[in-house]
Structure formats: C-alpha cells, structure tokens
C-alpha atoms as a PDB file:
ATOM      1  CA  MET A   1     156.153 108.826-136.009  1.00  0.00           C
ATOM      2  CA  ALA A   2     155.988 109.764-139.681  1.00  0.00           C
ATOM      3  CA  THR A   3     152.478 110.023-141.094  1.00  0.00           C
ATOM      4  CA  ASP A   4     153.550 108.250-144.265  1.00  0.00           C
ATOM      5  CA  ARG A   5     154.101 105.141-142.158  1.00  0.00           C
ATOM      6  CA  ILE A   6     150.512 104.958-140.887  1.00  0.00           C
ATOM      7  CA  TYR A   7     148.379 102.324-142.589  1.00  0.00           C
ATOM      8  CA  THR A   8     144.600 102.153-142.192  1.00  0.00           C
ATOM      9  CA  ASP A   9     141.719 100.049-143.477  1.00  0.00           C
ATOM     10  CA  LYS A  10     138.212 101.462-143.645  1.00  0.00           C
ATOM     11  CA  GLY A  11     135.047  99.511-144.305  1.00  0.00           C
ATOM     12  CA  PHE A  12     136.480  96.028-143.743  1.00  0.00           C
ATOM     13  CA  THR A  13     134.526  94.018-141.193  1.00  0.00           C
ATOM     14  CA  GLY A  14     133.940  90.459-140.140  1.00  0.00           C
ATOM     15  CA  THR A  15     136.405  87.725-140.905  1.00  0.00           C
ATOM     16  CA  ASN A  16     137.921  89.412-143.939  1.00  0.00           C
ATOM     17  CA  ARG A  17     141.693  88.734-143.748  1.00  0.00           C
ATOM     18  CA  ALA A  18     142.471  90.466-147.061  1.00  0.00           C
ATOM     19  CA  ARG A  19     142.896  94.056-145.874  1.00  0.00           C
ATOM     20  CA  PRO A  20     145.147  96.275-148.012  1.00  0.00           C
ATOM     21  CA  GLY A  21     146.265  98.558-145.149  1.00  0.00           C
ATOM     22  CA  LEU A  22     147.303  95.616-142.965  1.00  0.00           C
ATOM     23  CA  ASP A  23     149.082  93.937-145.875  1.00  0.00           C
ATOM     24  CA  GLN A  24     150.994  97.160-146.606  1.00  0.00           C
ATOM     25  CA  ALA A  25     151.952  97.580-142.931  1.00  0.00           C
ATOM     26  CA  LEU A  26     153.172  93.969-142.684  1.00  0.00           C
ATOM     27  CA  ALA A  27     155.184  94.386-145.885  1.00  0.00           C
ATOM     28  CA  ALA A  28     156.732  97.672-144.677  1.00  0.00           C
ATOM     29  CA  VAL A  29     158.075  96.522-141.275  1.00  0.00           C
ATOM     30  CA  ARG A  30     161.722  95.432-141.076  1.00  0.00           C
ATOM     31  CA  SER A  31     163.831  93.699-138.472  1.00  0.00           C
ATOM     32  CA  GLY A  32     164.088  95.883-135.360  1.00  0.00           C
ATOM     33  CA  ASP A  33     160.846  97.762-136.140  1.00  0.00           C
ATOM     34  CA  THR A  34     157.816  97.816-133.885  1.00  0.00           C
ATOM     35  CA  LEU A  35     154.366  97.381-135.423  1.00  0.00           C
ATOM     36  CA  VAL A  36     151.894  99.502-133.427  1.00  0.00           C
ATOM     37  CA  VAL A  37     148.243  98.452-133.406  1.00  0.00           C
ATOM     38  CA  PRO A  38     145.617 100.176-131.205  1.00  0.00           C
ATOM     39  CA  LYS A  39     143.826  96.894-130.356  1.00  0.00           C
ATOM     40  CA  LEU A  40     144.465  93.254-131.185  1.00  0.00           C
ATOM     41  CA  ASP A  41     141.111  92.888-132.948  1.00  0.00           C
ATOM     42  CA  ARG A  42     142.319  95.523-135.432  1.00  0.00           C
ATOM     43  CA  LEU A  43     145.223  93.229-136.330  1.00  0.00           C
ATOM     44  CA  ALA A  44     143.620  89.783-136.456  1.00  0.00           C
ATOM     45  CA  ARG A  45     140.132  88.351-136.813  1.00  0.00           C
ATOM     46  CA  SER A  46     140.751  84.994-135.112  1.00  0.00           C
ATOM     47  CA  VAL A  47     143.239  83.226-132.860  1.00  0.00           C
ATOM     48  CA  PRO A  48     144.859  81.291-135.745  1.00  0.00           C
ATOM     49  CA  ASP A  49     145.091  84.546-137.734  1.00  0.00           C
ATOM     50  CA  ALA A  50     146.708  86.345-134.766  1.00  0.00           C
ATOM     51  CA  ARG A  51     149.175  83.486-134.270  1.00  0.00           C
ATOM     52  CA  ALA A  52     150.117  83.460-137.938  1.00  0.00           C
ATOM     53  CA  ILE A  53     150.719  87.218-137.968  1.00  0.00           C
ATOM     54  CA  GLY A  54     152.579  87.104-134.630  1.00  0.00           C
ATOM     55  CA  ASP A  55     154.791  84.218-135.788  1.00  0.00           C
ATOM     56  CA  ALA A  56     155.540  85.969-139.087  1.00  0.00           C
ATOM     57  CA  LEU A  57     156.511  89.165-137.228  1.00  0.00           C
ATOM     58  CA  ALA A  58     158.698  87.233-134.761  1.00  0.00           C
ATOM     59  CA  ALA A  59     160.468  85.411-137.580  1.00  0.00           C
ATOM     60  CA  ARG A  60     161.332  88.782-139.124  1.00  0.00           C
ATOM     61  CA  GLY A  61     162.522  90.263-135.811  1.00  0.00           C
ATOM     62  CA  VAL A  62     159.614  92.725-135.522  1.00  0.00           C
ATOM     63  CA  LYS A  63     158.110  93.619-132.140  1.00  0.00           C
ATOM     64  CA  LEU A  64     154.369  94.159-131.737  1.00  0.00           C
ATOM     65  CA  GLN A  65     152.843  96.962-129.694  1.00  0.00           C
ATOM     66  CA  LEU A  66     149.182  96.551-128.751  1.00  0.00           C
ATOM     67  CA  GLY A  67     147.902  99.797-127.311  1.00  0.00           C
ATOM     68  CA  ALA A  68     150.525 100.970-124.813  1.00  0.00           C
ATOM     69  CA  SER A  69     152.271  97.637-124.172  1.00  0.00           C
ATOM     70  CA  VAL A  70     154.960  96.077-126.362  1.00  0.00           C
ATOM     71  CA  HIS A  71     154.767  92.296-126.790  1.00  0.00           C
ATOM     72  CA  ASP A  72     157.783  90.265-127.776  1.00  0.00           C
ATOM     73  CA  PRO A  73     156.352  87.155-129.461  1.00  0.00           C
ATOM     74  CA  VAL A  74     159.686  85.343-128.939  1.00  0.00           C
ATOM     75  CA  ASP A  75     159.465  85.633-125.134  1.00  0.00           C
ATOM     76  CA  PRO A  76     157.345  82.762-123.647  1.00  0.00           C
ATOM     77  CA  MET A  77     155.355  85.147-121.395  1.00  0.00           C
ATOM     78  CA  GLY A  78     154.819  87.534-124.311  1.00  0.00           C
ATOM     79  CA  LYS A  79     153.651  84.654-126.480  1.00  0.00           C
ATOM     80  CA  LEU A  80     151.246  83.413-123.779  1.00  0.00           C
ATOM     81  CA  PHE A  81     149.824  86.889-123.179  1.00  0.00           C
ATOM     82  CA  PHE A  82     149.449  87.467-126.924  1.00  0.00           C
ATOM     83  CA  ASN A  83     147.505  84.189-127.334  1.00  0.00           C
ATOM     84  CA  ILE A  84     145.246  85.003-124.383  1.00  0.00           C
ATOM     85  CA  LEU A  85     144.500  88.435-125.836  1.00  0.00           C
ATOM     86  CA  ALA A  86     143.788  86.867-129.231  1.00  0.00           C
ATOM     87  CA  THR A  87     141.380  84.387-127.636  1.00  0.00           C
ATOM     88  CA  PHE A  88     139.483  87.178-125.877  1.00  0.00           C
ATOM     89  CA  ALA A  89     139.384  89.299-129.039  1.00  0.00           C
ATOM     90  CA  GLU A  90     137.916  86.390-131.021  1.00  0.00           C
ATOM     91  CA  PHE A  91     135.423  85.682-128.216  1.00  0.00           C
ATOM     92  CA  GLU A  92     134.333  89.339-128.182  1.00  0.00           C
ATOM     93  CA  ALA A  93     133.825  89.328-131.982  1.00  0.00           C
ATOM     94  CA  ASP A  94     131.773  86.123-131.726  1.00  0.00           C
ATOM     95  CA  LEU A  95     129.582  87.681-129.010  1.00  0.00           C
ATOM     96  CA  ILE A  96     128.961  90.757-131.159  1.00  0.00           C
ATOM     97  CA  ARG A  97     127.916  88.560-134.112  1.00  0.00           C
ATOM     98  CA  LEU A  98     125.625  86.512-131.853  1.00  0.00           C
ATOM     99  CA  ARG A  99     123.964  89.615-130.386  1.00  0.00           C
ATOM    100  CA  THR A 100     123.501  91.093-133.845  1.00  0.00           C
ATOM    101  CA  ARG A 101     121.809  87.935-135.149  1.00  0.00           C
ATOM    102  CA  GLU A 102     119.561  87.789-132.055  1.00  0.00           C
ATOM    103  CA  GLY A 103     118.622  91.462-132.435  1.00  0.00           C
ATOM    104  CA  MET A 104     117.772  90.973-136.088  1.00  0.00           C
ATOM    105  CA  ALA A 105     115.632  87.920-135.262  1.00  0.00           C
ATOM    106  CA  VAL A 106     113.690  89.929-132.655  1.00  0.00           C
ATOM    107  CA  ALA A 107     113.204  92.829-135.092  1.00  0.00           C
ATOM    108  CA  ARG A 108     112.099  90.425-137.826  1.00  0.00           C
ATOM    109  CA  ALA A 109     109.585  88.792-135.428  1.00  0.00           C
ATOM    110  CA  LYS A 110     108.159  92.230-134.601  1.00  0.00           C
ATOM    111  CA  GLY A 111     107.929  93.084-138.299  1.00  0.00           C
ATOM    112  CA  LYS A 112     110.475  95.895-138.002  1.00  0.00           C
ATOM    113  CA  LEU A 113     113.119  94.360-140.296  1.00  0.00           C
ATOM    114  CA  ARG A 114     111.827  94.307-143.835  1.00  0.00           C
ATOM    115  CA  GLY A 115     114.857  95.111-145.939  1.00  0.00           C
ATOM    116  CA  LYS A 116     115.431  97.892-148.407  1.00  0.00           C
ATOM    117  CA  LYS A 117     112.428  99.747-149.768  1.00  0.00           C
ATOM    118  CA  PRO A 118     111.763  99.376-153.524  1.00  0.00           C
ATOM    119  CA  LYS A 119     112.989 102.251-155.694  1.00  0.00           C
ATOM    120  CA  LEU A 120     109.567 102.625-157.316  1.00  0.00           C
ATOM    121  CA  SER A 121     106.204 103.152-155.650  1.00  0.00           C
ATOM    122  CA  ASP A 122     103.450 100.564-156.186  1.00  0.00           C
ATOM    123  CA  ARG A 123     101.832 102.847-158.741  1.00  0.00           C
ATOM    124  CA  GLN A 124     105.113 103.270-160.646  1.00  0.00           C
ATOM    125  CA  GLN A 125     105.704  99.498-160.585  1.00  0.00           C
ATOM    126  CA  LYS A 126     102.250  98.867-162.071  1.00  0.00           C
ATOM    127  CA  GLU A 127     102.832 101.519-164.721  1.00  0.00           C
ATOM    128  CA  LEU A 128     106.210 100.015-165.605  1.00  0.00           C
ATOM    129  CA  ARG A 129     104.564  96.581-165.976  1.00  0.00           C
ATOM    130  CA  ARG A 130     101.768  98.056-168.114  1.00  0.00           C
ATOM    131  CA  MET A 131     104.236  99.846-170.382  1.00  0.00           C
ATOM    132  CA  TYR A 132     106.377  96.722-170.733  1.00  0.00           C
ATOM    133  CA  ASP A 133     103.356  94.569-171.591  1.00  0.00           C
ATOM    134  CA  THR A 134     102.426  96.860-174.495  1.00  0.00           C
ATOM    135  CA  GLY A 135     105.623  95.770-176.221  1.00  0.00           C
ATOM    136  CA  ASP A 136     106.401  99.357-177.219  1.00  0.00           C
ATOM    137  CA  TYR A 137     109.249  99.814-174.725  1.00  0.00           C
ATOM    138  CA  ALA A 138     112.571  98.024-174.374  1.00  0.00           C
ATOM    139  CA  ILE A 139     114.076  97.325-170.945  1.00  0.00           C
ATOM    140  CA  SER A 140     116.684 100.055-171.474  1.00  0.00           C
ATOM    141  CA  ASP A 141     113.911 102.546-172.406  1.00  0.00           C
ATOM    142  CA  LEU A 142     112.018 101.756-169.204  1.00  0.00           C
ATOM    143  CA  ALA A 143     115.201 102.050-167.132  1.00  0.00           C
ATOM    144  CA  GLU A 144     115.852 105.499-168.583  1.00  0.00           C
ATOM    145  CA  LEU A 145     112.227 106.665-168.214  1.00  0.00           C
ATOM    146  CA  PHE A 146     112.016 105.630-164.556  1.00  0.00           C
ATOM    147  CA  SER A 147     115.642 106.583-163.732  1.00  0.00           C
ATOM    148  CA  ILE A 148     116.502 103.091-162.513  1.00  0.00           C
ATOM    149  CA  SER A 149     118.969 100.417-163.574  1.00  0.00           C
ATOM    150  CA  ARG A 150     118.139  97.582-165.944  1.00  0.00           C
ATOM    151  CA  PRO A 151     118.396  94.966-163.136  1.00  0.00           C
ATOM    152  CA  THR A 152     115.844  97.000-161.151  1.00  0.00           C
ATOM    153  CA  VAL A 153     113.487  96.887-164.154  1.00  0.00           C
ATOM    154  CA  TYR A 154     113.848  93.095-164.300  1.00  0.00           C
ATOM    155  CA  ARG A 155     113.251  92.739-160.525  1.00  0.00           C
ATOM    156  CA  THR A 156     110.159  94.947-160.772  1.00  0.00           C
ATOM    157  CA  LEU A 157     108.800  92.875-163.647  1.00  0.00           C
ATOM    158  CA  GLU A 158     109.352  89.683-161.603  1.00  0.00           C
ATOM    159  CA  ARG A 159     107.406  91.156-158.659  1.00  0.00           C
ATOM    160  CA  GLN A 160     104.521  92.562-160.716  1.00  0.00           C
ATOM    161  CA  PRO A 161     102.168  90.050-162.313  1.00  0.00           C
ATOM    162  CA  ALA A 162     101.585  90.453-166.031  1.00  0.00           C
ATOM    163  CA  THR A 163      98.516  92.488-166.860  1.00  0.00           C
ATOM    164  CA  PRO A 164      95.860  90.411-168.606  1.00  0.00           C
ATOM    165  CA  SER A 165      95.582  91.396-172.240  1.00  0.00           C
ATOM    166  CA  VAL A 166      92.179  92.638-173.315  1.00  0.00           C
ATOM    167  CA  VAL A 167      91.046  91.316-176.645  1.00  0.00           C
ATOM    168  CA  ALA A 168      88.219  93.120-178.450  1.00  0.00           C
ATOM    169  CA  ALA A 169      85.589  90.796-179.887  1.00  0.00           C
END
C-alpha cells in the first residue's frame, strides 16, 4: 500500500460530514479499487450517511473493507451486514454523546464544571475597568497593556461594573 494513498482526518468529531480526508479518499477510488477503513464509524456518522457512501461506492464498482473483512455492497448479505454495522456504529456514537452529557450534568451539579478561567485575575480586571473609566485609554491600548485581545477587553468590561465617578465639591 503506497503511503501517498492514505487519507486521514484529524480533529473532526460529532456529526460533521464535511471531512477533507474522507472526501479526498472517495474522490481517489476508481472502479475495481478497495476502500480500506479501520472501523465503520471512521467512515460514516449515521446510518443514512453510511448508506449514501456505500451506495456511491457500489455504483462506482468500489469494494469496501472494514477492518479485516471486505464488504461487497452489491451482494444482498454484504448490504445487510453493512447496514447492521452502520446501525450499531450510530447507536454507539449516540451512547457516547448521552454519557458525556450526563457526566457534564453531574459535574455541573457538583460545581466542578465552571468553564474556562478568565485571562485576567480579579485585580487585573478591576484595574482594566478603572483605567478604561478614566477615558485616557483606548480599547486597543488596554489590550496591548494587558496582553489580551480586544474582544477579551470588551468581555471584561461587561463583567466588571463601572466604577462610580468621584466628583469633588
């Protein structure tokens, strides 16, 4: 197997069908070729997606190898087995999503899931607000001084209440 004919996708999860590596692999296969995929869930994200890919491969005369076994989507038994595998792969993905949501709900209830920590400490946030309220600093100046992005400056200003202005009598 030539290494220039290996297509991979990294960082694509969930139900994302637009995967460049998969699209390249599907475009590269020709009649008589065999598309090799380690597991069905690496090929398709749902049963309809698996069927569409399988039907497209069959129409082009391409065989599909899942792990060690070759499936001929034209053969009725191959088609049945392929659909059963696709159903189990989709079921497994759904279970993983369900468990993840349940785990996050438990962590949230225990106060363990709070999100990303702010880039600035409370003291820095108050100082940023104070400096902004003086009117002497532009947003871009504050972003540069605190080594943060402009959107982070705006989010910090939204979170910090305005300091009351002191007027001398």
